Amino acid sequence: MTQDSNKPAPLFLDNKEAADFLKISPRTLEKRRVIGGGPRFRKFGRRVVYAIADLEAWANARICDNTSDANYNDLV
């Protein structure tokens, strides 16, 4: 995502932008909204958006050192 140097960084990303940010499929985010386990999101009318801070927090909660980590298999 390239930013114009005069524009502030966005606070919220739509589903496709959030998926691009996380390098996952937009469909994966949609599925996680329904069954749980995804990043926190906000709904403004029919529009779903993700705060960048929430995406980073969700990604950081999935840090593993190796496949023997106790929570490795719990992460979906």
PDB file of N, CA and C in Angstrom:
ATOM      1  N   MET A   1       0.833  -1.163   0.000  1.00  0.00           N
ATOM      2  CA  MET A   1       0.000   0.000   0.000  1.00  0.00           C
ATOM      3  C   MET A   1       0.886   1.237   0.000  1.00  0.00           C
ATOM      4  N   THR A   2       0.848   2.007  -1.023  1.00  0.00           N
ATOM      5  CA  THR A   2       1.656   3.223  -1.087  1.00  0.00           C
ATOM      6  C   THR A   2       0.849   4.392  -0.551  1.00  0.00           C
ATOM      7  N   GLN A   3       1.512   5.226   0.216  1.00  0.00           N
ATOM      8  CA  GLN A   3       0.868   6.385   0.814  1.00  0.00           C
ATOM      9  C   GLN A   3       1.406   7.655   0.176  1.00  0.00           C
ATOM     10  N   ASP A   4       0.512   8.594  -0.089  1.00  0.00           N
ATOM     11  CA  ASP A   4       0.931   9.929  -0.500  1.00  0.00           C
ATOM     12  C   ASP A   4       1.593  10.566   0.711  1.00  0.00           C
ATOM     13  N   SER A   5       2.748  11.166   0.533  1.00  0.00           N
ATOM     14  CA  SER A   5       3.500  11.697   1.676  1.00  0.00           C
ATOM     15  C   SER A   5       2.749  12.802   2.411  1.00  0.00           C
ATOM     16  N   ASN A   6       1.763  13.424   1.775  1.00  0.00           N
ATOM     17  CA  ASN A   6       0.991  14.481   2.425  1.00  0.00           C
ATOM     18  C   ASN A   6      -0.239  13.960   3.150  1.00  0.00           C
ATOM     19  N   LYS A   7      -0.618  12.728   2.897  1.00  0.00           N
ATOM     20  CA  LYS A   7      -1.807  12.152   3.516  1.00  0.00           C
ATOM     21  C   LYS A   7      -1.426  11.387   4.781  1.00  0.00           C
ATOM     22  N   PRO A   8      -2.220  11.526   5.836  1.00  0.00           N
ATOM     23  CA  PRO A   8      -1.952  10.706   7.018  1.00  0.00           C
ATOM     24  C   PRO A   8      -2.302   9.239   6.730  1.00  0.00           C
ATOM     25  N   ALA A   9      -1.662   8.349   7.432  1.00  0.00           N
ATOM     26  CA  ALA A   9      -1.961   6.923   7.264  1.00  0.00           C
ATOM     27  C   ALA A   9      -3.404   6.672   7.695  1.00  0.00           C
ATOM     28  N   PRO A  10      -4.102   5.762   7.018  1.00  0.00           N
ATOM     29  CA  PRO A  10      -5.495   5.499   7.394  1.00  0.00           C
ATOM     30  C   PRO A  10      -5.578   4.820   8.756  1.00  0.00           C
ATOM     31  N   LEU A  11      -6.636   5.118   9.497  1.00  0.00           N
ATOM     32  CA  LEU A  11      -6.867   4.459  10.775  1.00  0.00           C
ATOM     33  C   LEU A  11      -7.568   3.125  10.586  1.00  0.00           C
ATOM     34  N   PHE A  12      -8.409   3.059   9.549  1.00  0.00           N
ATOM     35  CA  PHE A  12      -9.214   1.865   9.309  1.00  0.00           C
ATOM     36  C   PHE A  12      -8.988   1.358   7.892  1.00  0.00           C
ATOM     37  N   LEU A  13      -9.063   0.034   7.750  1.00  0.00           N
ATOM     38  CA  LEU A  13      -8.923  -0.612   6.448  1.00  0.00           C
ATOM     39  C   LEU A  13     -10.180  -1.424   6.176  1.00  0.00           C
ATOM     40  N   ASP A  14     -10.609  -1.472   4.919  1.00  0.00           N
ATOM     41  CA  ASP A  14     -11.735  -2.336   4.586  1.00  0.00           C
ATOM     42  C   ASP A  14     -11.250  -3.794   4.543  1.00  0.00           C
ATOM     43  N   ASN A  15     -12.152  -4.706   4.257  1.00  0.00           N
ATOM     44  CA  ASN A  15     -11.816  -6.129   4.308  1.00  0.00           C
ATOM     45  C   ASN A  15     -10.653  -6.490   3.382  1.00  0.00           C
ATOM     46  N   LYS A  16     -10.691  -5.993   2.150  1.00  0.00           N
ATOM     47  CA  LYS A  16      -9.626  -6.333   1.199  1.00  0.00           C
ATOM     48  C   LYS A  16      -8.293  -5.726   1.628  1.00  0.00           C
ATOM     49  N   GLU A  17      -8.322  -4.467   2.064  1.00  0.00           N
ATOM     50  CA  GLU A  17      -7.098  -3.811   2.514  1.00  0.00           C
ATOM     51  C   GLU A  17      -6.518  -4.510   3.745  1.00  0.00           C
ATOM     52  N   ALA A  18      -7.395  -4.911   4.673  1.00  0.00           N
ATOM     53  CA  ALA A  18      -6.939  -5.608   5.879  1.00  0.00           C
ATOM     54  C   ALA A  18      -6.323  -6.958   5.515  1.00  0.00           C
ATOM     55  N   ALA A  19      -6.948  -7.666   4.584  1.00  0.00           N
ATOM     56  CA  ALA A  19      -6.406  -8.952   4.134  1.00  0.00           C
ATOM     57  C   ALA A  19      -5.048  -8.757   3.473  1.00  0.00           C
ATOM     58  N   ASP A  20      -4.921  -7.729   2.658  1.00  0.00           N
ATOM     59  CA  ASP A  20      -3.625  -7.420   2.035  1.00  0.00           C
ATOM     60  C   ASP A  20      -2.581  -7.099   3.102  1.00  0.00           C
ATOM     61  N   PHE A  21      -2.974  -6.343   4.106  1.00  0.00           N
ATOM     62  CA  PHE A  21      -2.074  -5.967   5.199  1.00  0.00           C
ATOM     63  C   PHE A  21      -1.546  -7.208   5.917  1.00  0.00           C
ATOM     64  N   LEU A  22      -2.440  -8.190   6.148  1.00  0.00           N
ATOM     65  CA  LEU A  22      -2.066  -9.418   6.857  1.00  0.00           C
ATOM     66  C   LEU A  22      -1.516 -10.499   5.932  1.00  0.00           C
ATOM     67  N   LYS A  23      -1.596 -10.271   4.624  1.00  0.00           N
ATOM     68  CA  LYS A  23      -1.147 -11.249   3.626  1.00  0.00           C
ATOM     69  C   LYS A  23      -1.954 -12.549   3.720  1.00  0.00           C
ATOM     70  N   ILE A  24      -3.279 -12.383   3.897  1.00  0.00           N
ATOM     71  CA  ILE A  24      -4.187 -13.527   3.905  1.00  0.00           C
ATOM     72  C   ILE A  24      -5.333 -13.230   2.943  1.00  0.00           C
ATOM     73  N   SER A  25      -6.161 -14.197   2.709  1.00  0.00           N
ATOM     74  CA  SER A  25      -7.293 -14.046   1.803  1.00  0.00           C
ATOM     75  C   SER A  25      -8.393 -13.193   2.445  1.00  0.00           C
ATOM     76  N   PRO A  26      -9.050 -12.340   1.656  1.00  0.00           N
ATOM     77  CA  PRO A  26     -10.203 -11.610   2.193  1.00  0.00           C
ATOM     78  C   PRO A  26     -11.292 -12.563   2.696  1.00  0.00           C
ATOM     79  N   ARG A  27     -11.414 -13.694   2.032  1.00  0.00           N
ATOM     80  CA  ARG A  27     -12.413 -14.696   2.450  1.00  0.00           C
ATOM     81  C   ARG A  27     -12.093 -15.245   3.842  1.00  0.00           C
ATOM     82  N   THR A  28     -10.813 -15.373   4.165  1.00  0.00           N
ATOM     83  CA  THR A  28     -10.430 -15.845   5.492  1.00  0.00           C
ATOM     84  C   THR A  28     -10.914 -14.865   6.558  1.00  0.00           C
ATOM     85  N   LEU A  29     -10.765 -13.577   6.315  1.00  0.00           N
ATOM     86  CA  LEU A  29     -11.261 -12.580   7.274  1.00  0.00           C
ATOM     87  C   LEU A  29     -12.776 -12.660   7.408  1.00  0.00           C
ATOM     88  N   GLU A  30     -13.472 -12.815   6.288  1.00  0.00           N
ATOM     89  CA  GLU A  30     -14.931 -12.932   6.332  1.00  0.00           C
ATOM     90  C   GLU A  30     -15.348 -14.144   7.164  1.00  0.00           C
ATOM     91  N   LYS A  31     -14.680 -15.251   6.936  1.00  0.00           N
ATOM     92  CA  LYS A  31     -14.989 -16.483   7.657  1.00  0.00           C
ATOM     93  C   LYS A  31     -14.721 -16.321   9.156  1.00  0.00           C
ATOM     94  N   ARG A  32     -13.611 -15.672   9.499  1.00  0.00           N
ATOM     95  CA  ARG A  32     -13.258 -15.459  10.903  1.00  0.00           C
ATOM     96  C   ARG A  32     -14.248 -14.521  11.598  1.00  0.00           C
ATOM     97  N   ARG A  33     -14.849 -13.617  10.867  1.00  0.00           N
ATOM     98  CA  ARG A  33     -15.874 -12.748  11.466  1.00  0.00           C
ATOM     99  C   ARG A  33     -17.084 -13.567  11.873  1.00  0.00           C
ATOM    100  N   VAL A  34     -17.399 -14.605  11.118  1.00  0.00           N
ATOM    101  CA  VAL A  34     -18.577 -15.424  11.390  1.00  0.00           C
ATOM    102  C   VAL A  34     -18.303 -16.452  12.481  1.00  0.00           C
ATOM    103  N   ILE A  35     -17.196 -17.188  12.367  1.00  0.00           N
ATOM    104  CA  ILE A  35     -16.954 -18.286  13.310  1.00  0.00           C
ATOM    105  C   ILE A  35     -16.068 -17.885  14.483  1.00  0.00           C
ATOM    106  N   GLY A  36     -15.491 -16.700  14.421  1.00  0.00           N
ATOM    107  CA  GLY A  36     -14.632 -16.237  15.512  1.00  0.00           C
ATOM    108  C   GLY A  36     -13.174 -16.538  15.235  1.00  0.00           C
ATOM    109  N   GLY A  37     -12.331 -15.971  16.064  1.00  0.00           N
ATOM    110  CA  GLY A  37     -10.901 -16.213  15.947  1.00  0.00           C
ATOM    111  C   GLY A  37     -10.164 -15.205  15.090  1.00  0.00           C
ATOM    112  N   GLY A  38     -10.865 -14.233  14.553  1.00  0.00           N
ATOM    113  CA  GLY A  38     -10.222 -13.223  13.713  1.00  0.00           C
ATOM    114  C   GLY A  38      -9.941 -11.953  14.493  1.00  0.00           C
ATOM    115  N   PRO A  39      -9.389 -10.980  13.814  1.00  0.00           N
ATOM    116  CA  PRO A  39      -9.120  -9.704  14.473  1.00  0.00           C
ATOM    117  C   PRO A  39     -10.422  -8.962  14.788  1.00  0.00           C
ATOM    118  N   ARG A  40     -10.356  -8.088  15.780  1.00  0.00           N
ATOM    119  CA  ARG A  40     -11.512  -7.262  16.115  1.00  0.00           C
ATOM    120  C   ARG A  40     -11.845  -6.379  14.921  1.00  0.00           C
ATOM    121  N   PHE A  41     -13.117  -6.101  14.755  1.00  0.00           N
ATOM    122  CA  PHE A  41     -13.557  -5.275  13.637  1.00  0.00           C
ATOM    123  C   PHE A  41     -14.640  -4.318  14.095  1.00  0.00           C
ATOM    124  N   ARG A  42     -14.932  -3.362  13.252  1.00  0.00           N
ATOM    125  CA  ARG A  42     -15.992  -2.400  13.517  1.00  0.00           C
ATOM    126  C   ARG A  42     -16.974  -2.442  12.356  1.00  0.00           C
ATOM    127  N   LYS A  43     -18.216  -2.201  12.681  1.00  0.00           N
ATOM    128  CA  LYS A  43     -19.251  -2.211  11.658  1.00  0.00           C
ATOM    129  C   LYS A  43     -19.942  -0.859  11.677  1.00  0.00           C
ATOM    130  N   PHE A  44     -19.865  -0.168  10.566  1.00  0.00           N
ATOM    131  CA  PHE A  44     -20.513   1.128  10.395  1.00  0.00           C
ATOM    132  C   PHE A  44     -21.612   0.928   9.356  1.00  0.00           C
ATOM    133  N   GLY A  45     -22.821   0.710   9.821  1.00  0.00           N
ATOM    134  CA  GLY A  45     -23.905   0.367   8.899  1.00  0.00           C
ATOM    135  C   GLY A  45     -23.614  -0.991   8.293  1.00  0.00           C
ATOM    136  N   ARG A  46     -23.507  -1.036   6.973  1.00  0.00           N
ATOM    137  CA  ARG A  46     -23.185  -2.292   6.293  1.00  0.00           C
ATOM    138  C   ARG A  46     -21.691  -2.455   6.065  1.00  0.00           C
ATOM    139  N   ARG A  47     -20.940  -1.437   6.394  1.00  0.00           N
ATOM    140  CA  ARG A  47     -19.499  -1.436   6.121  1.00  0.00           C
ATOM    141  C   ARG A  47     -18.715  -2.013   7.298  1.00  0.00           C
ATOM    142  N   VAL A  48     -17.825  -2.947   7.006  1.00  0.00           N
ATOM    143  CA  VAL A  48     -16.948  -3.557   8.014  1.00  0.00           C
ATOM    144  C   VAL A  48     -15.553  -2.997   7.807  1.00  0.00           C
ATOM    145  N   VAL A  49     -14.932  -2.524   8.889  1.00  0.00           N
ATOM    146  CA  VAL A  49     -13.574  -2.001   8.813  1.00  0.00           C
ATOM    147  C   VAL A  49     -12.755  -2.544   9.976  1.00  0.00           C
ATOM    148  N   TYR A  50     -11.454  -2.533   9.783  1.00  0.00           N
ATOM    149  CA  TYR A  50     -10.504  -3.006  10.783  1.00  0.00           C
ATOM    150  C   TYR A  50      -9.544  -1.881  11.130  1.00  0.00           C
ATOM    151  N   ALA A  51      -9.301  -1.665  12.410  1.00  0.00           N
ATOM    152  CA  ALA A  51      -8.288  -0.706  12.835  1.00  0.00           C
ATOM    153  C   ALA A  51      -6.923  -1.372  12.673  1.00  0.00           C
ATOM    154  N   ILE A  52      -5.969  -0.634  12.186  1.00  0.00           N
ATOM    155  CA  ILE A  52      -4.626  -1.186  11.989  1.00  0.00           C
ATOM    156  C   ILE A  52      -4.062  -1.705  13.310  1.00  0.00           C
ATOM    157  N   ALA A  53      -4.311  -0.999  14.400  1.00  0.00           N
ATOM    158  CA  ALA A  53      -3.821  -1.444  15.707  1.00  0.00           C
ATOM    159  C   ALA A  53      -4.402  -2.807  16.078  1.00  0.00           C
ATOM    160  N   ASP A  54      -5.679  -3.053  15.749  1.00  0.00           N
ATOM    161  CA  ASP A  54      -6.300  -4.354  16.034  1.00  0.00           C
ATOM    162  C   ASP A  54      -5.713  -5.458  15.163  1.00  0.00           C
ATOM    163  N   LEU A  55      -5.406  -5.141  13.918  1.00  0.00           N
ATOM    164  CA  LEU A  55      -4.779  -6.132  13.035  1.00  0.00           C
ATOM    165  C   LEU A  55      -3.396  -6.502  13.556  1.00  0.00           C
ATOM    166  N   GLU A  56      -2.634  -5.496  13.978  1.00  0.00           N
ATOM    167  CA  GLU A  56      -1.298  -5.760  14.517  1.00  0.00           C
ATOM    168  C   GLU A  56      -1.379  -6.559  15.810  1.00  0.00           C
ATOM    169  N   ALA A  57      -2.331  -6.234  16.684  1.00  0.00           N
ATOM    170  CA  ALA A  57      -2.488  -6.973  17.944  1.00  0.00           C
ATOM    171  C   ALA A  57      -2.852  -8.427  17.676  1.00  0.00           C
ATOM    172  N   TRP A  58      -3.753  -8.655  16.723  1.00  0.00           N
ATOM    173  CA  TRP A  58      -4.158 -10.017  16.381  1.00  0.00           C
ATOM    174  C   TRP A  58      -2.966 -10.805  15.831  1.00  0.00           C
ATOM    175  N   ALA A  59      -2.191 -10.178  14.957  1.00  0.00           N
ATOM    176  CA  ALA A  59      -1.015 -10.845  14.395  1.00  0.00           C
ATOM    177  C   ALA A  59       0.025 -11.120  15.482  1.00  0.00           C
ATOM    178  N   ASN A  60       0.243 -10.164  16.372  1.00  0.00           N
ATOM    179  CA  ASN A  60       1.233 -10.341  17.437  1.00  0.00           C
ATOM    180  C   ASN A  60       0.831 -11.418  18.436  1.00  0.00           C
ATOM    181  N   ALA A  61      -0.461 -11.662  18.592  1.00  0.00           N
ATOM    182  CA  ALA A  61      -0.925 -12.724  19.493  1.00  0.00           C
ATOM    183  C   ALA A  61      -0.639 -14.111  18.920  1.00  0.00           C
ATOM    184  N   ARG A  62      -0.220 -14.173  17.657  1.00  0.00           N
ATOM    185  CA  ARG A  62       0.054 -15.444  16.991  1.00  0.00           C
ATOM    186  C   ARG A  62       1.533 -15.718  16.792  1.00  0.00           C
ATOM    187  N   ILE A  63       2.351 -15.061  17.566  1.00  0.00           N
ATOM    188  CA  ILE A  63       3.795 -15.271  17.461  1.00  0.00           C
ATOM    189  C   ILE A  63       4.161 -16.620  18.080  1.00  0.00           C
ATOM    190  N   CYS A  64       4.918 -17.399  17.348  1.00  0.00           N
ATOM    191  CA  CYS A  64       5.428 -18.678  17.835  1.00  0.00           C
ATOM    192  C   CYS A  64       6.922 -18.736  17.546  1.00  0.00           C
ATOM    193  N   ASP A  65       7.658 -19.348  18.443  1.00  0.00           N
ATOM    194  CA  ASP A  65       9.087 -19.535  18.208  1.00  0.00           C
ATOM    195  C   ASP A  65       9.353 -20.770  17.360  1.00  0.00           C
ATOM    196  N   ASN A  66       8.500 -21.777  17.520  1.00  0.00           N
ATOM    197  CA  ASN A  66       8.654 -23.004  16.752  1.00  0.00           C
ATOM    198  C   ASN A  66       7.350 -23.797  16.821  1.00  0.00           C
ATOM    199  N   THR A  67       7.292 -24.900  16.112  1.00  0.00           N
ATOM    200  CA  THR A  67       6.058 -25.696  16.073  1.00  0.00           C
ATOM    201  C   THR A  67       5.813 -26.473  17.358  1.00  0.00           C
ATOM    202  N   SER A  68       6.753 -26.436  18.292  1.00  0.00           N
ATOM    203  CA  SER A  68       6.568 -27.100  19.585  1.00  0.00           C
ATOM    204  C   SER A  68       5.941 -26.177  20.628  1.00  0.00           C
ATOM    205  N   ASP A  69       5.717 -24.908  20.278  1.00  0.00           N
ATOM    206  CA  ASP A  69       5.060 -23.993  21.209  1.00  0.00           C
ATOM    207  C   ASP A  69       3.724 -24.576  21.648  1.00  0.00           C
ATOM    208  N   ALA A  70       3.400 -24.392  22.915  1.00  0.00           N
ATOM    209  CA  ALA A  70       2.179 -24.951  23.476  1.00  0.00           C
ATOM    210  C   ALA A  70       0.918 -24.485  22.733  1.00  0.00           C
ATOM    211  N   ASN A  71       0.896 -23.249  22.285  1.00  0.00           N
ATOM    212  CA  ASN A  71      -0.310 -22.733  21.620  1.00  0.00           C
ATOM    213  C   ASN A  71      -0.260 -22.855  20.099  1.00  0.00           C
ATOM    214  N   TYR A  72       0.757 -23.451  19.551  1.00  0.00           N
ATOM    215  CA  TYR A  72       0.908 -23.533  18.089  1.00  0.00           C
ATOM    216  C   TYR A  72      -0.300 -24.171  17.420  1.00  0.00           C
ATOM    217  N   ASN A  73      -0.753 -25.305  17.930  1.00  0.00           N
ATOM    218  CA  ASN A  73      -1.878 -26.007  17.311  1.00  0.00           C
ATOM    219  C   ASN A  73      -3.221 -25.346  17.590  1.00  0.00           C
ATOM    220  N   ASP A  74      -3.275 -24.457  18.592  1.00  0.00           N
ATOM    221  CA  ASP A  74      -4.518 -23.763  18.904  1.00  0.00           C
ATOM    222  C   ASP A  74      -4.777 -22.587  17.973  1.00  0.00           C
ATOM    223  N   LEU A  75      -3.737 -22.126  17.291  1.00  0.00           N
ATOM    224  CA  LEU A  75      -3.878 -20.979  16.402  1.00  0.00           C
ATOM    225  C   LEU A  75      -4.467 -21.412  15.079  1.00  0.00           C
ATOM    226  N   VAL A  76      -5.514 -20.760  14.696  1.00  0.00           N
ATOM    227  CA  VAL A  76      -6.184 -21.100  13.429  1.00  0.00           C
ATOM    228  C   VAL A  76      -6.061 -19.944  12.498  1.00  0.00           C
TER     229      VAL A  76
END
